[in-house]
Amino acid sequence: MKHLNRIPSLAWLVALSLVSAGHEAVAQDDILAPGWKNLSYTPPAVGSYQLPPITEASDGTVLLEDGTESNLFDLMGDRVVLFSFIYTRCNDINGCPLANAVFHKLQAKLQERPEIAQATRLLSMSFDPERDTPEVMKEFGQGLGGNGVDWQFLTAQDYDTLQPILGDYGQYTIREYDESGEYTGDFAHMLRVFLIDRELRIRNIYSVAFLHADILINDLETLLLESPSS
């Protein structure tokens, strides 16, 4: 079972191949969410709009890829953060694989904008700590992070530690069972990605329809134009 945990989901392998193939290949498939394709409109100019605070971010105890404990707030505050909830076995192409692929595309954009990259951190938090151990998260993230972009893959010690975090962020999950009542290893969940400023306030929440690398980098740059007290 431990070996199986290390295998990326089929959906993620397909997702990564689509990203590698370029926007043209992705755009041919109409079943994919907007984040897989070229943005169909021109976003507002950077700094021409505001991102009012929505609510306060929440803290919680997490495990880093090396297995050490940290608090979410220790990973936030010094940078603007994009925070996603995922699990590595997800097979919904417009679910966790979309979040990972959009972050992967954003990483490429940030590599061309080091002044934004140095002020940004990407956090991908698993909501399946039973299978997504720190070792699994480390292997899953290999080849995705680095290159001047801080992208960290987190998990929790157990479900008891994780549940308050999920509740605070409204990231509810439901285990799926087969006809015989056996747990399939899959979760029903709603994809949500959070933009969090240095004062630990949530400034935007992206759903499937609005999760796109072009939108994310626009919002990051707009947020970074603010004065610290904004």
Protein backbone atom coordinates (compact mmCIF):
# COMPACT_ATOMS: atom_id res chain seq x y z
CA MET A 1 0.00 0.00 0.00
CA LYS A 2 2.86 2.36 0.80
CA HIS A 3 4.22 1.94 -2.73
CA LEU A 4 0.82 2.71 -4.23
CA ASN A 5 0.67 5.95 -2.27
CA ARG A 6 3.64 7.24 -4.21
CA ILE A 7 2.03 6.82 -7.62
CA PRO A 8 0.49 10.08 -8.92
CA SER A 9 -3.14 9.81 -9.92
CA LEU A 10 -3.91 9.10 -13.57
CA ALA A 11 -5.65 12.46 -13.78
CA TRP A 12 -2.51 14.26 -12.61
CA LEU A 13 -0.34 12.40 -15.13
CA VAL A 14 -2.76 13.41 -17.88
CA ALA A 15 -2.81 16.95 -16.51
CA LEU A 16 0.96 17.24 -16.53
CA SER A 17 1.15 15.91 -20.08
CA LEU A 18 -1.42 18.50 -21.19
CA VAL A 19 0.54 21.30 -19.57
CA SER A 20 3.73 20.07 -21.22
CA ALA A 21 1.98 19.85 -24.59
CA GLY A 22 1.06 23.53 -24.48
CA HIS A 23 -2.15 25.56 -24.51
CA GLU A 24 -3.13 24.50 -28.04
CA ALA A 25 -3.45 20.82 -27.09
CA VAL A 26 -5.42 21.65 -23.97
CA ALA A 27 -7.80 24.04 -25.71
CA GLN A 28 -9.01 21.28 -28.03
CA ASP A 29 -10.81 19.54 -25.16
CA ASP A 30 -13.97 21.38 -24.19
CA ILE A 31 -14.52 19.33 -21.05
CA LEU A 32 -11.58 20.99 -19.34
CA ALA A 33 -11.91 23.95 -16.97
CA PRO A 34 -10.79 27.44 -18.09
CA GLY A 35 -7.51 27.05 -16.20
CA TRP A 36 -6.30 24.50 -18.74
CA LYS A 37 -6.77 26.86 -21.67
CA ASN A 38 -5.76 30.30 -22.86
CA LEU A 39 -7.70 32.95 -20.98
CA SER A 40 -10.72 33.85 -23.12
CA TYR A 41 -10.67 37.53 -22.14
CA THR A 42 -8.19 40.23 -21.22
CA PRO A 43 -8.02 40.61 -17.45
CA PRO A 44 -8.17 44.08 -15.87
CA ALA A 45 -4.88 45.95 -15.82
CA VAL A 46 -2.70 45.32 -12.78
CA GLY A 47 -3.52 47.87 -10.08
CA SER A 48 -6.74 49.02 -11.76
CA TYR A 49 -8.88 47.09 -9.26
CA GLN A 50 -8.91 46.24 -5.58
CA LEU A 51 -9.07 42.98 -3.66
CA PRO A 52 -10.85 43.89 -0.41
CA PRO A 53 -10.20 41.59 2.57
CA ILE A 54 -12.78 38.79 2.78
CA THR A 55 -11.96 37.33 6.17
CA GLU A 56 -9.02 36.40 8.37
CA ALA A 57 -6.89 33.40 7.48
CA SER A 58 -6.67 30.59 10.04
CA ASP A 59 -3.71 28.85 11.62
CA GLY A 60 -3.16 25.14 12.17
CA THR A 61 -0.47 22.53 12.74
CA VAL A 62 0.92 20.96 9.56
CA LEU A 63 3.73 18.65 8.55
CA LEU A 64 6.41 19.77 6.11
CA GLU A 65 7.89 17.51 3.46
CA ASP A 66 10.69 16.46 5.82
CA GLY A 67 8.16 15.45 8.48
CA THR A 68 8.78 18.34 10.86
CA GLU A 69 5.85 20.23 12.38
CA SER A 70 5.07 23.82 11.53
CA ASN A 71 2.17 26.22 11.85
CA LEU A 72 0.43 27.64 8.80
CA PHE A 73 1.04 31.16 10.08
CA ASP A 74 4.78 30.43 10.16
CA LEU A 75 4.52 29.75 6.42
CA MET A 76 2.47 32.89 5.81
CA GLY A 77 2.90 36.50 6.81
CA ASP A 78 6.34 37.14 5.31
CA ARG A 79 4.98 36.60 1.78
CA VAL A 80 1.76 36.71 -0.19
CA VAL A 81 0.46 33.13 -0.25
CA LEU A 82 -1.63 31.04 -2.61
CA PHE A 83 -3.04 28.17 -0.56
CA SER A 84 -4.72 25.12 -2.11
CA PHE A 85 -6.18 21.93 -0.67
CA ILE A 86 -5.49 18.76 -2.68
CA TYR A 87 -4.94 15.03 -2.37
CA THR A 88 -2.50 13.13 -4.55
CA ARG A 89 -4.90 10.35 -5.60
CA CYS A 90 -7.52 12.73 -7.00
CA ASN A 91 -8.85 11.58 -10.39
CA ASP A 92 -11.08 14.55 -11.19
CA ILE A 93 -9.26 16.37 -14.01
CA ASN A 94 -10.97 19.62 -12.96
CA GLY A 95 -10.24 19.08 -9.28
CA CYS A 96 -6.86 18.72 -7.60
CA PRO A 97 -4.98 18.11 -10.89
CA LEU A 98 -6.31 21.48 -12.10
CA ALA A 99 -5.04 23.24 -8.97
CA ASN A 100 -1.62 21.58 -9.37
CA ALA A 101 -1.43 22.38 -13.07
CA VAL A 102 -2.42 26.03 -12.60
CA PHE A 103 0.25 26.38 -9.90
CA HIS A 104 2.69 24.69 -12.31
CA LYS A 105 1.84 27.25 -15.01
CA LEU A 106 2.04 30.08 -12.49
CA GLN A 107 5.48 28.87 -11.44
CA ALA A 108 6.71 29.31 -15.02
CA LYS A 109 5.35 32.86 -15.06
CA LEU A 110 6.94 33.64 -11.70
CA GLN A 111 10.31 32.42 -12.94
CA GLU A 112 10.14 35.27 -15.47
CA ARG A 113 9.13 37.73 -12.74
CA PRO A 114 11.63 37.16 -9.89
CA GLU A 115 10.51 40.31 -8.07
CA ILE A 116 7.05 38.76 -7.68
CA ALA A 117 8.37 35.24 -7.07
CA GLN A 118 10.49 36.43 -4.14
CA ALA A 119 7.38 37.87 -2.49
CA THR A 120 5.16 34.84 -3.14
CA ARG A 121 4.77 31.38 -1.64
CA LEU A 122 2.64 28.51 -2.97
CA LEU A 123 1.25 26.03 -0.43
CA SER A 124 -0.48 22.78 -1.41
CA MET A 125 -2.05 21.05 1.60
CA SER A 126 -3.32 17.47 1.46
CA PHE A 127 -6.64 16.59 3.06
CA ASP A 128 -5.75 12.86 2.98
CA PRO A 129 -3.10 12.52 5.73
CA GLU A 130 -3.68 8.77 5.97
CA ARG A 131 -2.16 8.24 2.52
CA ASP A 132 -0.43 11.54 1.82
CA THR A 133 2.41 11.26 4.30
CA PRO A 134 5.27 13.78 4.24
CA GLU A 135 7.29 11.28 2.19
CA VAL A 136 4.50 10.99 -0.37
CA MET A 137 4.06 14.75 -0.55
CA LYS A 138 7.80 15.21 -1.04
CA GLU A 139 7.86 12.73 -3.92
CA PHE A 140 4.71 14.23 -5.41
CA GLY A 141 6.26 17.70 -5.39
CA GLN A 142 9.64 16.68 -6.79
CA GLY A 143 10.30 18.46 -10.06
CA LEU A 144 7.47 20.94 -9.44
CA GLY A 145 8.99 23.32 -6.89
CA GLY A 146 12.28 25.16 -6.91
CA ASN A 147 13.71 27.29 -9.70
CA GLY A 148 13.35 30.42 -7.61
CA VAL A 149 9.71 29.71 -6.72
CA ASP A 150 8.80 28.65 -3.17
CA TRP A 151 6.19 25.89 -3.56
CA GLN A 152 5.72 23.67 -0.52
CA PHE A 153 3.65 20.49 -0.15
CA LEU A 154 2.06 19.98 3.26
CA THR A 155 0.05 17.36 5.09
CA ALA A 156 -1.20 16.75 8.63
CA GLN A 157 -0.37 14.28 11.36
CA ASP A 158 -3.88 12.81 11.28
CA TYR A 159 -7.52 13.67 10.59
CA ASP A 160 -8.06 15.07 14.08
CA THR A 161 -5.33 17.64 13.44
CA LEU A 162 -6.58 18.34 9.94
CA GLN A 163 -10.31 18.80 10.58
CA PRO A 164 -10.11 22.22 12.31
CA ILE A 165 -8.08 23.55 9.37
CA LEU A 166 -10.57 22.24 6.83
CA GLY A 167 -13.46 23.67 8.84
CA ASP A 168 -11.88 27.10 9.19
CA TYR A 169 -11.32 27.32 5.43
CA GLY A 170 -14.69 25.83 4.52
CA GLN A 171 -12.95 23.00 2.69
CA TYR A 172 -15.33 20.16 3.42
CA THR A 173 -14.69 16.66 2.11
CA ILE A 174 -16.80 13.52 1.91
CA ARG A 175 -15.33 10.05 1.63
CA GLU A 176 -16.71 8.05 -1.28
CA TYR A 177 -17.78 4.41 -0.88
CA ASP A 178 -18.54 1.71 -3.42
CA GLU A 179 -21.73 -0.38 -3.62
CA SER A 180 -20.41 -2.81 -1.03
CA GLY A 181 -19.73 -0.01 1.43
CA GLU A 182 -15.96 -0.10 1.04
CA TYR A 183 -14.06 3.20 1.06
CA THR A 184 -12.70 3.82 -2.45
CA GLY A 185 -9.88 6.14 -1.40
CA ASP A 186 -11.57 9.04 -3.19
CA PHE A 187 -13.14 12.20 -1.82
CA ALA A 188 -15.97 14.40 -3.00
CA HIS A 189 -14.88 17.99 -2.47
CA MET A 190 -15.12 21.50 -3.84
CA LEU A 191 -11.96 23.02 -5.32
CA ARG A 192 -10.99 26.24 -3.58
CA VAL A 193 -7.70 28.19 -3.69
CA PHE A 194 -7.06 31.07 -1.30
CA LEU A 195 -5.04 34.27 -1.83
CA ILE A 196 -3.67 35.42 1.54
CA ASP A 197 -1.85 38.68 2.18
CA ARG A 198 1.04 39.40 4.56
CA GLU A 199 -1.40 40.47 7.26
CA LEU A 200 -2.97 37.01 7.14
CA ARG A 201 -6.17 38.13 5.46
CA ILE A 202 -7.90 36.19 2.68
CA ARG A 203 -8.12 38.51 -0.32
CA ASN A 204 -9.61 36.19 -2.93
CA ILE A 205 -11.05 32.67 -3.20
CA TYR A 206 -10.80 30.95 -6.58
CA SER A 207 -13.22 28.28 -7.72
CA VAL A 208 -12.85 26.06 -10.79
CA ALA A 209 -14.31 28.74 -13.09
CA PHE A 210 -11.80 31.42 -12.04
CA LEU A 211 -8.65 29.45 -11.29
CA HIS A 212 -6.25 30.50 -14.04
CA ALA A 213 -2.53 31.31 -13.95
CA ASP A 214 -3.07 34.64 -15.74
CA ILE A 215 -5.62 35.72 -13.14
CA LEU A 216 -3.44 34.58 -10.26
CA ILE A 217 -0.35 36.50 -11.35
CA ASN A 218 -2.48 39.58 -12.03
CA ASP A 219 -3.93 39.41 -8.52
CA LEU A 220 -0.52 38.77 -6.96
CA GLU A 221 0.96 41.81 -8.65
CA THR A 222 -2.06 43.96 -7.75
CA LEU A 223 -1.82 42.90 -4.10
CA LEU A 224 1.91 43.58 -3.98
CA LEU A 225 1.32 47.15 -5.15
CA GLU A 226 -0.49 47.89 -1.89
CA SER A 227 1.24 49.56 1.01
CA PRO A 228 1.71 47.29 4.06
CA SER A 229 -1.15 49.00 5.88
CA SER A 230 -3.70 48.68 3.04
